[in-house]
């Protein structure tokens, strides 16, 4: 194992940059044992595993095929983005972005909250949908907050990052809108189908709406303007997969 005790070490500078990314990069950070294990189990390419000097060596049994770097505990805590660091993180390579080919997929259009994006990925996996398409203008699906919000789902479901909806040319497209769409409980969901979810405040822009052949809504009572996008995704994706 390699040991690092200097704050000026190049690896620590890389870790700090990945912990607070300003843009998408070929590498990304995994923090906590759950995400590290999920990445290994999913076949994500792990470049290095970094542990605190206080992390129990006995817990490294199933990660011995990857380079392990031990960092002095105080330095590790400076890097960590968690209030209670677990003592382990990893640098991974962003996986290849596959194009959807069939089935049911969720599309994130302008979803800038990484926690919501991660939660949608969890719904995609849990409901049995076939993948997540992330359009330009949405949060980075491999950013630290999105990964934590997904509880590992973003490492397991196919994630297609794309500038526009051109990879979905073979799919029917349905826009999820707050009001005036077809009641999601009466829709006949037929694959291949892409369900397009908009951002938290602005919703879907006109250009995106124009590419969708249908509009679907969740009926709401009272003065509620809209549901949280992850909640809407849960309701509609479970209903859609029930029809498959």
C-alpha atoms as a PDB file:
ATOM      1  CA  UNK A   1       0.000   0.000   0.000  1.00  0.00           C
ATOM      2  CA  UNK A   2       1.087   3.541  -0.731  1.00  0.00           C
ATOM      3  CA  UNK A   3       0.996   6.027   2.172  1.00  0.00           C
ATOM      4  CA  UNK A   4       0.428   9.790   1.858  1.00  0.00           C
ATOM      5  CA  UNK A   5       1.125  12.254   4.653  1.00  0.00           C
ATOM      6  CA  UNK A   6       1.543  15.504   2.688  1.00  0.00           C
ATOM      7  CA  UNK A   7      -1.309  17.845   1.816  1.00  0.00           C
ATOM      8  CA  UNK A   8       0.553  18.838  -1.352  1.00  0.00           C
ATOM      9  CA  UNK A   9       0.491  15.352  -2.823  1.00  0.00           C
ATOM     10  CA  UNK A  10      -0.852  15.414  -6.428  1.00  0.00           C
ATOM     11  CA  UNK A  11      -3.370  12.661  -5.666  1.00  0.00           C
ATOM     12  CA  UNK A  12      -4.903  14.723  -2.873  1.00  0.00           C
ATOM     13  CA  UNK A  13      -5.219  17.677  -5.237  1.00  0.00           C
ATOM     14  CA  UNK A  14      -7.079  15.421  -7.668  1.00  0.00           C
ATOM     15  CA  UNK A  15      -9.361  14.208  -4.886  1.00  0.00           C
ATOM     16  CA  UNK A  16     -10.199  17.774  -3.840  1.00  0.00           C
ATOM     17  CA  UNK A  17     -11.048  18.680  -7.431  1.00  0.00           C
ATOM     18  CA  UNK A  18     -13.281  15.636  -7.868  1.00  0.00           C
ATOM     19  CA  UNK A  19     -14.996  16.244  -4.518  1.00  0.00           C
ATOM     20  CA  UNK A  20     -16.166  19.656  -5.750  1.00  0.00           C
ATOM     21  CA  UNK A  21     -16.287  19.352  -9.550  1.00  0.00           C
ATOM     22  CA  UNK A  22     -16.987  22.429 -11.632  1.00  0.00           C
ATOM     23  CA  UNK A  23     -17.505  20.452 -14.823  1.00  0.00           C
ATOM     24  CA  UNK A  24     -17.793  16.894 -16.059  1.00  0.00           C
ATOM     25  CA  UNK A  25     -14.476  15.047 -16.113  1.00  0.00           C
ATOM     26  CA  UNK A  26     -13.387  11.567 -17.261  1.00  0.00           C
ATOM     27  CA  UNK A  27     -12.929  10.582 -13.619  1.00  0.00           C
ATOM     28  CA  UNK A  28     -15.357  10.862 -10.725  1.00  0.00           C
ATOM     29  CA  UNK A  29     -15.338  10.328  -6.976  1.00  0.00           C
ATOM     30  CA  UNK A  30     -17.053   7.587  -4.997  1.00  0.00           C
ATOM     31  CA  UNK A  31     -17.329   8.154  -1.276  1.00  0.00           C
ATOM     32  CA  UNK A  32     -18.385   5.569   1.280  1.00  0.00           C
ATOM     33  CA  UNK A  33     -18.225   1.783   1.281  1.00  0.00           C
ATOM     34  CA  UNK A  34     -21.686   1.336  -0.264  1.00  0.00           C
ATOM     35  CA  UNK A  35     -20.778   3.282  -3.411  1.00  0.00           C
ATOM     36  CA  UNK A  36     -17.304   1.764  -3.682  1.00  0.00           C
ATOM     37  CA  UNK A  37     -18.740  -1.753  -3.426  1.00  0.00           C
ATOM     38  CA  UNK A  38     -21.527  -0.917  -5.892  1.00  0.00           C
ATOM     39  CA  UNK A  39     -18.974   0.306  -8.427  1.00  0.00           C
ATOM     40  CA  UNK A  40     -16.826  -2.804  -8.052  1.00  0.00           C
ATOM     41  CA  UNK A  41     -19.843  -5.109  -8.343  1.00  0.00           C
ATOM     42  CA  UNK A  42     -21.045  -3.228 -11.444  1.00  0.00           C
ATOM     43  CA  UNK A  43     -17.722  -3.480 -13.224  1.00  0.00           C
ATOM     44  CA  UNK A  44     -16.981   0.248 -13.082  1.00  0.00           C
ATOM     45  CA  UNK A  45     -13.279   0.870 -13.702  1.00  0.00           C
ATOM     46  CA  UNK A  46     -11.672   1.840 -10.382  1.00  0.00           C
ATOM     47  CA  UNK A  47      -8.415   3.772 -10.702  1.00  0.00           C
ATOM     48  CA  UNK A  48      -7.552   3.908  -6.994  1.00  0.00           C
ATOM     49  CA  UNK A  49      -9.091   3.323  -3.589  1.00  0.00           C
ATOM     50  CA  UNK A  50      -8.166   5.808  -0.897  1.00  0.00           C
ATOM     51  CA  UNK A  51      -8.638   5.043   2.774  1.00  0.00           C
ATOM     52  CA  UNK A  52      -8.042   6.936   5.981  1.00  0.00           C
ATOM     53  CA  UNK A  53      -5.171   5.762   8.151  1.00  0.00           C
ATOM     54  CA  UNK A  54      -7.882   5.031  10.740  1.00  0.00           C
ATOM     55  CA  UNK A  55      -9.815   2.716   8.388  1.00  0.00           C
ATOM     56  CA  UNK A  56      -9.649  -0.938   9.530  1.00  0.00           C
ATOM     57  CA  UNK A  57      -7.371  -2.946   7.260  1.00  0.00           C
ATOM     58  CA  UNK A  58      -9.602  -5.976   7.754  1.00  0.00           C
ATOM     59  CA  UNK A  59     -12.346  -4.187   5.771  1.00  0.00           C
ATOM     60  CA  UNK A  60     -10.289  -4.198   2.580  1.00  0.00           C
ATOM     61  CA  UNK A  61     -10.643  -7.893   1.832  1.00  0.00           C
ATOM     62  CA  UNK A  62     -12.651  -7.607  -1.395  1.00  0.00           C
ATOM     63  CA  UNK A  63     -10.834  -4.599  -2.869  1.00  0.00           C
ATOM     64  CA  UNK A  64      -7.303  -5.970  -2.927  1.00  0.00           C
ATOM     65  CA  UNK A  65      -7.250  -6.131  -6.742  1.00  0.00           C
ATOM     66  CA  UNK A  66      -7.152  -2.312  -6.910  1.00  0.00           C
ATOM     67  CA  UNK A  67      -4.375   0.019  -5.847  1.00  0.00           C
ATOM     68  CA  UNK A  68      -5.008   1.129  -2.268  1.00  0.00           C
ATOM     69  CA  UNK A  69      -3.640   4.423  -0.977  1.00  0.00           C
ATOM     70  CA  UNK A  70      -3.616   5.213   2.741  1.00  0.00           C
ATOM     71  CA  UNK A  71      -3.993   8.893   3.647  1.00  0.00           C
ATOM     72  CA  UNK A  72      -3.308  10.378   7.056  1.00  0.00           C
ATOM     73  CA  UNK A  73      -6.709  10.621   8.787  1.00  0.00           C
ATOM     74  CA  UNK A  74      -6.703  14.406   9.274  1.00  0.00           C
ATOM     75  CA  UNK A  75      -5.984  14.912   5.565  1.00  0.00           C
ATOM     76  CA  UNK A  76      -8.687  12.421   4.606  1.00  0.00           C
ATOM     77  CA  UNK A  77     -11.256  14.330   6.645  1.00  0.00           C
ATOM     78  CA  UNK A  78     -10.329  17.542   4.853  1.00  0.00           C
ATOM     79  CA  UNK A  79     -11.109  15.897   1.525  1.00  0.00           C
ATOM     80  CA  UNK A  80     -14.333  14.167   2.521  1.00  0.00           C
ATOM     81  CA  UNK A  81     -17.655  15.784   1.617  1.00  0.00           C
ATOM     82  CA  UNK A  82     -19.496  13.864   4.335  1.00  0.00           C
ATOM     83  CA  UNK A  83     -20.204  15.176   7.813  1.00  0.00           C
ATOM     84  CA  UNK A  84     -19.199  11.786   9.197  1.00  0.00           C
ATOM     85  CA  UNK A  85     -16.596  10.359   6.807  1.00  0.00           C
ATOM     86  CA  UNK A  86     -16.616   6.587   6.450  1.00  0.00           C
ATOM     87  CA  UNK A  87     -12.887   6.453   5.803  1.00  0.00           C
ATOM     88  CA  UNK A  88     -12.987   5.121   2.241  1.00  0.00           C
ATOM     89  CA  UNK A  89     -13.396   6.618  -1.206  1.00  0.00           C
ATOM     90  CA  UNK A  90     -12.384   5.755  -4.737  1.00  0.00           C
ATOM     91  CA  UNK A  91     -11.468   7.411  -7.998  1.00  0.00           C
ATOM     92  CA  UNK A  92     -13.348   5.814 -10.887  1.00  0.00           C
ATOM     93  CA  UNK A  93     -13.485   6.262 -14.649  1.00  0.00           C
ATOM     94  CA  UNK A  94     -16.782   7.502 -16.093  1.00  0.00           C
ATOM     95  CA  UNK A  95     -18.438   4.553 -17.844  1.00  0.00           C
ATOM     96  CA  UNK A  96     -19.238   4.508 -21.536  1.00  0.00           C
ATOM     97  CA  UNK A  97     -22.550   6.206 -22.298  1.00  0.00           C
ATOM     98  CA  UNK A  98     -24.796   3.596 -23.985  1.00  0.00           C
ATOM     99  CA  UNK A  99     -27.593   4.566 -26.361  1.00  0.00           C
ATOM    100  CA  UNK A 100     -31.017   3.169 -25.394  1.00  0.00           C
ATOM    101  CA  UNK A 101     -32.286   0.545 -27.811  1.00  0.00           C
ATOM    102  CA  UNK A 102     -35.625  -0.636 -26.434  1.00  0.00           C
ATOM    103  CA  UNK A 103     -38.010  -0.751 -23.503  1.00  0.00           C
ATOM    104  CA  UNK A 104     -38.911   2.061 -21.152  1.00  0.00           C
ATOM    105  CA  UNK A 105     -36.500   4.854 -20.251  1.00  0.00           C
ATOM    106  CA  UNK A 106     -36.695   8.017 -18.168  1.00  0.00           C
ATOM    107  CA  UNK A 107     -35.285  11.229 -19.611  1.00  0.00           C
ATOM    108  CA  UNK A 108     -33.944  14.011 -17.389  1.00  0.00           C
ATOM    109  CA  UNK A 109     -34.293  17.358 -19.156  1.00  0.00           C
ATOM    110  CA  UNK A 110     -32.940  20.330 -17.233  1.00  0.00           C
ATOM    111  CA  UNK A 111     -33.013  18.575 -13.858  1.00  0.00           C
ATOM    112  CA  UNK A 112     -30.304  20.554 -12.117  1.00  0.00           C
ATOM    113  CA  UNK A 113     -30.763  19.277  -8.580  1.00  0.00           C
ATOM    114  CA  UNK A 114     -28.328  16.346  -8.280  1.00  0.00           C
ATOM    115  CA  UNK A 115     -30.275  14.847  -5.396  1.00  0.00           C
ATOM    116  CA  UNK A 116     -33.418  14.672  -7.528  1.00  0.00           C
ATOM    117  CA  UNK A 117     -31.462  13.187 -10.420  1.00  0.00           C
ATOM    118  CA  UNK A 118     -30.076  10.512  -8.121  1.00  0.00           C
ATOM    119  CA  UNK A 119     -33.525   9.776  -6.719  1.00  0.00           C
ATOM    120  CA  UNK A 120     -34.920   9.325 -10.230  1.00  0.00           C
ATOM    121  CA  UNK A 121     -32.157   6.813 -10.956  1.00  0.00           C
ATOM    122  CA  UNK A 122     -33.231   4.858  -7.871  1.00  0.00           C
ATOM    123  CA  UNK A 123     -36.792   4.780  -9.195  1.00  0.00           C
ATOM    124  CA  UNK A 124     -35.580   3.658 -12.627  1.00  0.00           C
ATOM    125  CA  UNK A 125     -33.773   0.717 -11.068  1.00  0.00           C
ATOM    126  CA  UNK A 126     -36.466  -0.144  -8.530  1.00  0.00           C
ATOM    127  CA  UNK A 127     -39.327  -0.008 -11.031  1.00  0.00           C
ATOM    128  CA  UNK A 128     -37.544  -2.183 -13.563  1.00  0.00           C
ATOM    129  CA  UNK A 129     -37.279   0.494 -16.253  1.00  0.00           C
ATOM    130  CA  UNK A 130     -34.500   0.068 -18.791  1.00  0.00           C
ATOM    131  CA  UNK A 131     -32.351   3.148 -18.337  1.00  0.00           C
ATOM    132  CA  UNK A 132     -31.892   6.852 -17.712  1.00  0.00           C
ATOM    133  CA  UNK A 133     -31.132   9.456 -20.370  1.00  0.00           C
ATOM    134  CA  UNK A 134     -29.565  12.669 -19.062  1.00  0.00           C
ATOM    135  CA  UNK A 135     -29.804  15.631 -21.420  1.00  0.00           C
ATOM    136  CA  UNK A 136     -27.361  18.525 -21.498  1.00  0.00           C
ATOM    137  CA  UNK A 137     -28.342  21.115 -18.878  1.00  0.00           C
ATOM    138  CA  UNK A 138     -29.071  18.531 -16.179  1.00  0.00           C
ATOM    139  CA  UNK A 139     -26.855  17.778 -13.200  1.00  0.00           C
ATOM    140  CA  UNK A 140     -23.865  15.494 -13.637  1.00  0.00           C
ATOM    141  CA  UNK A 141     -25.118  11.950 -12.919  1.00  0.00           C
ATOM    142  CA  UNK A 142     -21.650  11.031 -11.687  1.00  0.00           C
ATOM    143  CA  UNK A 143     -21.232  14.011  -9.385  1.00  0.00           C
ATOM    144  CA  UNK A 144     -20.926  13.269  -5.642  1.00  0.00           C
ATOM    145  CA  UNK A 145     -24.433  14.453  -4.666  1.00  0.00           C
ATOM    146  CA  UNK A 146     -26.199  12.626  -7.480  1.00  0.00           C
ATOM    147  CA  UNK A 147     -24.360   9.397  -6.700  1.00  0.00           C
ATOM    148  CA  UNK A 148     -25.242   9.622  -3.018  1.00  0.00           C
ATOM    149  CA  UNK A 149     -28.861  10.402  -3.855  1.00  0.00           C
ATOM    150  CA  UNK A 150     -29.031   7.346  -6.076  1.00  0.00           C
ATOM    151  CA  UNK A 151     -27.669   5.020  -3.359  1.00  0.00           C
ATOM    152  CA  UNK A 152     -25.629   3.282  -6.056  1.00  0.00           C
ATOM    153  CA  UNK A 153     -28.352   3.043  -8.721  1.00  0.00           C
ATOM    154  CA  UNK A 154     -26.445   5.371 -11.068  1.00  0.00           C
ATOM    155  CA  UNK A 155     -23.656   2.791 -11.077  1.00  0.00           C
ATOM    156  CA  UNK A 156     -26.019  -0.041 -12.006  1.00  0.00           C
ATOM    157  CA  UNK A 157     -28.587   1.320 -14.466  1.00  0.00           C
ATOM    158  CA  UNK A 158     -27.581   2.255 -18.039  1.00  0.00           C
ATOM    159  CA  UNK A 159     -27.029   6.030 -18.113  1.00  0.00           C
ATOM    160  CA  UNK A 160     -26.940   7.771 -21.484  1.00  0.00           C
ATOM    161  CA  UNK A 161     -25.514  11.296 -21.377  1.00  0.00           C
ATOM    162  CA  UNK A 162     -26.430  13.207 -24.517  1.00  0.00           C
ATOM    163  CA  UNK A 163     -26.772  16.764 -25.798  1.00  0.00           C
ATOM    164  CA  UNK A 164     -30.236  16.124 -27.245  1.00  0.00           C
ATOM    165  CA  UNK A 165     -32.826  13.403 -27.775  1.00  0.00           C
ATOM    166  CA  UNK A 166     -31.367  12.112 -31.047  1.00  0.00           C
ATOM    167  CA  UNK A 167     -30.402   8.724 -29.484  1.00  0.00           C
ATOM    168  CA  UNK A 168     -34.129   8.239 -28.849  1.00  0.00           C
ATOM    169  CA  UNK A 169     -35.168   8.405 -32.501  1.00  0.00           C
ATOM    170  CA  UNK A 170     -36.760   4.943 -32.321  1.00  0.00           C
ATOM    171  CA  UNK A 171     -38.751   5.759 -29.165  1.00  0.00           C
ATOM    172  CA  UNK A 172     -42.157   7.309 -28.703  1.00  0.00           C
ATOM    173  CA  UNK A 173     -41.773  10.285 -26.381  1.00  0.00           C
ATOM    174  CA  UNK A 174     -44.154  11.502 -23.695  1.00  0.00           C
ATOM    175  CA  UNK A 175     -43.656  14.763 -21.808  1.00  0.00           C
ATOM    176  CA  UNK A 176     -44.543  14.745 -18.113  1.00  0.00           C
ATOM    177  CA  UNK A 177     -46.292  18.055 -17.433  1.00  0.00           C
ATOM    178  CA  UNK A 178     -47.967  19.425 -14.263  1.00  0.00           C
ATOM    179  CA  UNK A 179     -51.369  19.940 -15.848  1.00  0.00           C
ATOM    180  CA  UNK A 180     -53.435  19.479 -19.029  1.00  0.00           C
ATOM    181  CA  UNK A 181     -51.859  16.145 -19.972  1.00  0.00           C
ATOM    182  CA  UNK A 182     -53.526  12.748 -20.112  1.00  0.00           C
ATOM    183  CA  UNK A 183     -54.172  11.210 -16.699  1.00  0.00           C
ATOM    184  CA  UNK A 184     -51.243   8.817 -16.122  1.00  0.00           C
ATOM    185  CA  UNK A 185     -53.686   6.215 -14.772  1.00  0.00           C
ATOM    186  CA  UNK A 186     -55.485   5.996 -18.123  1.00  0.00           C
ATOM    187  CA  UNK A 187     -52.496   5.978 -20.462  1.00  0.00           C
ATOM    188  CA  UNK A 188     -51.520   2.889 -22.430  1.00  0.00           C
ATOM    189  CA  UNK A 189     -47.736   2.797 -22.048  1.00  0.00           C
ATOM    190  CA  UNK A 190     -46.260   0.986 -25.049  1.00  0.00           C
ATOM    191  CA  UNK A 191     -42.520   0.425 -25.457  1.00  0.00           C
ATOM    192  CA  UNK A 192     -40.195   1.626 -26.761  1.00  0.00           C
ATOM    193  CA  UNK A 193     -41.153   4.710 -24.781  1.00  0.00           C
ATOM    194  CA  UNK A 194     -39.192   7.625 -23.346  1.00  0.00           C
ATOM    195  CA  UNK A 195     -40.822   9.496 -20.459  1.00  0.00           C
ATOM    196  CA  UNK A 196     -39.413  13.032 -20.336  1.00  0.00           C
ATOM    197  CA  UNK A 197     -39.201  14.772 -16.956  1.00  0.00           C
ATOM    198  CA  UNK A 198     -38.409  18.485 -16.688  1.00  0.00           C
ATOM    199  CA  UNK A 199     -36.537  20.649 -14.231  1.00  0.00           C
ATOM    200  CA  UNK A 200     -37.764  21.538 -10.769  1.00  0.00           C
ATOM    201  CA  UNK A 201     -38.911  25.087 -11.510  1.00  0.00           C
ATOM    202  CA  UNK A 202     -38.882  25.754 -15.253  1.00  0.00           C
ATOM    203  CA  UNK A 203     -40.268  22.407 -16.380  1.00  0.00           C
ATOM    204  CA  UNK A 204     -39.833  21.390 -20.014  1.00  0.00           C
ATOM    205  CA  UNK A 205     -38.994  24.023 -22.608  1.00  0.00           C
ATOM    206  CA  UNK A 206     -40.975  24.439 -25.815  1.00  0.00           C
ATOM    207  CA  UNK A 207     -38.301  22.813 -27.966  1.00  0.00           C
ATOM    208  CA  UNK A 208     -38.384  19.648 -25.869  1.00  0.00           C
ATOM    209  CA  UNK A 209     -42.176  19.608 -25.700  1.00  0.00           C
ATOM    210  CA  UNK A 210     -42.364  19.865 -29.486  1.00  0.00           C
ATOM    211  CA  UNK A 211     -40.453  16.569 -29.792  1.00  0.00           C
ATOM    212  CA  UNK A 212     -42.944  14.698 -27.614  1.00  0.00           C
ATOM    213  CA  UNK A 213     -45.987  13.090 -29.188  1.00  0.00           C
ATOM    214  CA  UNK A 214     -47.923  12.885 -25.908  1.00  0.00           C
ATOM    215  CA  UNK A 215     -48.283  14.753 -22.643  1.00  0.00           C
ATOM    216  CA  UNK A 216     -48.971  13.028 -19.345  1.00  0.00           C
ATOM    217  CA  UNK A 217     -49.991  14.540 -16.004  1.00  0.00           C
ATOM    218  CA  UNK A 218     -50.635  13.409 -12.440  1.00  0.00           C
ATOM    219  CA  UNK A 219     -53.992  14.756 -11.172  1.00  0.00           C
ATOM    220  CA  UNK A 220     -53.558  17.031  -8.150  1.00  0.00           C
ATOM    221  CA  UNK A 221     -56.058  18.461  -5.679  1.00  0.00           C
ATOM    222  CA  UNK A 222     -56.021  21.779  -3.881  1.00  0.00           C
ATOM    223  CA  UNK A 223     -53.567  24.521  -4.761  1.00  0.00           C
ATOM    224  CA  UNK A 224     -50.563  22.263  -5.365  1.00  0.00           C
ATOM    225  CA  UNK A 225     -48.713  23.518  -8.455  1.00  0.00           C
ATOM    226  CA  UNK A 226     -46.551  20.483  -9.020  1.00  0.00           C
ATOM    227  CA  UNK A 227     -45.002  17.426  -7.407  1.00  0.00           C
ATOM    228  CA  UNK A 228     -41.332  16.901  -6.745  1.00  0.00           C
ATOM    229  CA  UNK A 229     -39.889  15.466  -9.957  1.00  0.00           C
ATOM    230  CA  UNK A 230     -38.607  12.309  -8.229  1.00  0.00           C
ATOM    231  CA  UNK A 231     -42.083  11.708  -6.747  1.00  0.00           C
ATOM    232  CA  UNK A 232     -43.652  12.166 -10.168  1.00  0.00           C
ATOM    233  CA  UNK A 233     -41.118   9.765 -11.660  1.00  0.00           C
ATOM    234  CA  UNK A 234     -41.961   7.128  -9.047  1.00  0.00           C
ATOM    235  CA  UNK A 235     -45.694   7.278  -9.711  1.00  0.00           C
ATOM    236  CA  UNK A 236     -45.429   7.254 -13.481  1.00  0.00           C
ATOM    237  CA  UNK A 237     -42.591   4.757 -13.908  1.00  0.00           C
ATOM    238  CA  UNK A 238     -44.287   2.202 -11.671  1.00  0.00           C
ATOM    239  CA  UNK A 239     -47.525   2.639 -13.594  1.00  0.00           C
ATOM    240  CA  UNK A 240     -45.670   2.354 -16.898  1.00  0.00           C
ATOM    241  CA  UNK A 241     -43.803  -0.819 -15.949  1.00  0.00           C
ATOM    242  CA  UNK A 242     -47.072  -2.348 -14.750  1.00  0.00           C
ATOM    243  CA  UNK A 243     -48.300  -2.173 -18.352  1.00  0.00           C
ATOM    244  CA  UNK A 244     -45.273  -3.878 -19.856  1.00  0.00           C
END
